[in-house]
C-alpha atoms as a PDB file:
ATOM      1  CA  MET A   1      32.276  -8.398  -3.906  1.00  0.00           C
ATOM      2  CA  ALA A   2      29.199  -9.919  -2.290  1.00  0.00           C
ATOM      3  CA  LYS A   3      26.159  -7.855  -1.875  1.00  0.00           C
ATOM      4  CA  GLY A   4      24.275  -7.671   1.373  1.00  0.00           C
ATOM      5  CA  LYS A   5      20.443  -7.392   1.855  1.00  0.00           C
ATOM      6  CA  ASN A   6      19.004  -4.381   0.100  1.00  0.00           C
ATOM      7  CA  VAL A   7      18.049  -1.561   2.486  1.00  0.00           C
ATOM      8  CA  ARG A   8      15.318  -0.272   0.011  1.00  0.00           C
ATOM      9  CA  VAL A   9      12.541  -2.655  -0.649  1.00  0.00           C
ATOM     10  CA  ARG A  10       9.455  -2.400  -2.823  1.00  0.00           C
ATOM     11  CA  VAL A  11       6.039  -2.455  -1.050  1.00  0.00           C
ATOM     12  CA  ILE A  12       2.536  -2.404  -2.290  1.00  0.00           C
ATOM     13  CA  LEU A  13      -0.052   0.039  -0.657  1.00  0.00           C
ATOM     14  CA  GLU A  14      -3.783  -0.887  -0.820  1.00  0.00           C
ATOM     15  CA  CYS A  15      -6.717   1.278  -0.213  1.00  0.00           C
ATOM     16  CA  THR A  16      -8.336   0.397   3.192  1.00  0.00           C
ATOM     17  CA  SER A  17     -11.906   1.704   2.337  1.00  0.00           C
ATOM     18  CA  CYS A  18     -12.104  -0.248  -0.921  1.00  0.00           C
ATOM     19  CA  VAL A  19     -11.073  -3.459   0.920  1.00  0.00           C
ATOM     20  CA  GLN A  20     -13.954  -3.094   3.193  1.00  0.00           C
ATOM     21  CA  ASN A  21     -16.424  -2.281   0.524  1.00  0.00           C
ATOM     22  CA  SER A  22     -15.209  -5.015  -1.798  1.00  0.00           C
ATOM     23  CA  ILE A  23     -16.762  -7.503   0.941  1.00  0.00           C
ATOM     24  CA  ASN A  24     -20.079  -5.793   0.390  1.00  0.00           C
ATOM     25  CA  LYS A  25     -19.669  -5.549  -3.368  1.00  0.00           C
ATOM     26  CA  LYS A  26     -20.112  -1.665  -3.327  1.00  0.00           C
ATOM     27  CA  SER A  27     -16.866  -1.063  -5.096  1.00  0.00           C
ATOM     28  CA  THR A  28     -15.752  -1.826  -8.656  1.00  0.00           C
ATOM     29  CA  GLY A  29     -12.129  -2.420  -7.626  1.00  0.00           C
ATOM     30  CA  ILE A  30      -9.177  -2.150  -5.167  1.00  0.00           C
ATOM     31  CA  SER A  31      -6.824   0.849  -5.502  1.00  0.00           C
ATOM     32  CA  ARG A  32      -3.064  -0.142  -5.165  1.00  0.00           C
ATOM     33  CA  TYR A  33       0.169   1.860  -5.377  1.00  0.00           C
ATOM     34  CA  ILE A  34       3.804   0.499  -5.583  1.00  0.00           C
ATOM     35  CA  THR A  35       6.437   2.396  -3.949  1.00  0.00           C
ATOM     36  CA  GLN A  36       9.736   1.883  -1.902  1.00  0.00           C
ATOM     37  CA  LYS A  37      10.660   2.105   1.729  1.00  0.00           C
ATOM     38  CA  ASN A  38      13.736   2.143   3.722  1.00  0.00           C
ATOM     39  CA  ARG A  39      13.709  -1.086   5.802  1.00  0.00           C
ATOM     40  CA  HIS A  40      16.039   0.399   8.728  1.00  0.00           C
ATOM     41  CA  ASN A  41      14.004   3.560   9.082  1.00  0.00           C
ATOM     42  CA  THR A  42      10.522   2.165   8.860  1.00  0.00           C
ATOM     43  CA  SER A  43      10.448  -1.251  10.044  1.00  0.00           C
ATOM     44  CA  GLY A  44       6.628  -1.278  10.554  1.00  0.00           C
ATOM     45  CA  ARG A  45       3.924  -1.256   8.004  1.00  0.00           C
ATOM     46  CA  LEU A  46       3.899   1.751   5.815  1.00  0.00           C
ATOM     47  CA  GLU A  47       0.687   3.843   5.826  1.00  0.00           C
ATOM     48  CA  LEU A  48       0.016   6.897   3.421  1.00  0.00           C
ATOM     49  CA  ARG A  49      -2.896   8.991   2.347  1.00  0.00           C
ATOM     50  CA  LYS A  50      -3.343   8.577  -1.440  1.00  0.00           C
ATOM     51  CA  PHE A  51      -5.994   9.335  -4.026  1.00  0.00           C
ATOM     52  CA  CYS A  52      -8.158   6.362  -4.597  1.00  0.00           C
ATOM     53  CA  ARG A  53      -9.776   6.364  -8.115  1.00  0.00           C
ATOM     54  CA  TYR A  54     -12.576   3.974  -7.163  1.00  0.00           C
ATOM     55  CA  CYS A  55     -13.638   5.977  -4.040  1.00  0.00           C
ATOM     56  CA  HIS A  56     -12.886   9.398  -5.870  1.00  0.00           C
ATOM     57  CA  LYS A  57     -11.184  10.842  -2.716  1.00  0.00           C
ATOM     58  CA  HIS A  58      -7.919  10.608  -0.506  1.00  0.00           C
ATOM     59  CA  THR A  59      -7.998   7.654   1.671  1.00  0.00           C
ATOM     60  CA  THR A  60      -5.457   5.648   3.775  1.00  0.00           C
ATOM     61  CA  HIS A  61      -3.476   3.098   1.907  1.00  0.00           C
ATOM     62  CA  ARG A  62      -1.568   0.518   3.875  1.00  0.00           C
ATOM     63  CA  GLU A  63       1.185  -1.895   3.072  1.00  0.00           C
ATOM     64  CA  ILE A  64       0.268  -5.398   2.375  1.00  0.00           C
ATOM     65  CA  LYS A  65       2.315  -8.641   2.000  1.00  0.00           C
ATOM     66  CA  LYS A  66       3.378  -9.852  -1.449  1.00  0.00           C
END
């Protein structure tokens, strides 16, 4: 039996404040999380508030392309 496209896909979430600070060389790294999302329910880019270990606070993490 042939399998169709998977509904659940892996996505990478990246800290938005670390990305802005890495341009100015204020941050030591960029916080990233790997998670899954349902492609049918959330067709747009995923955006969650997660803890950033480099900023030491909860910040917005957005989905990036692989």
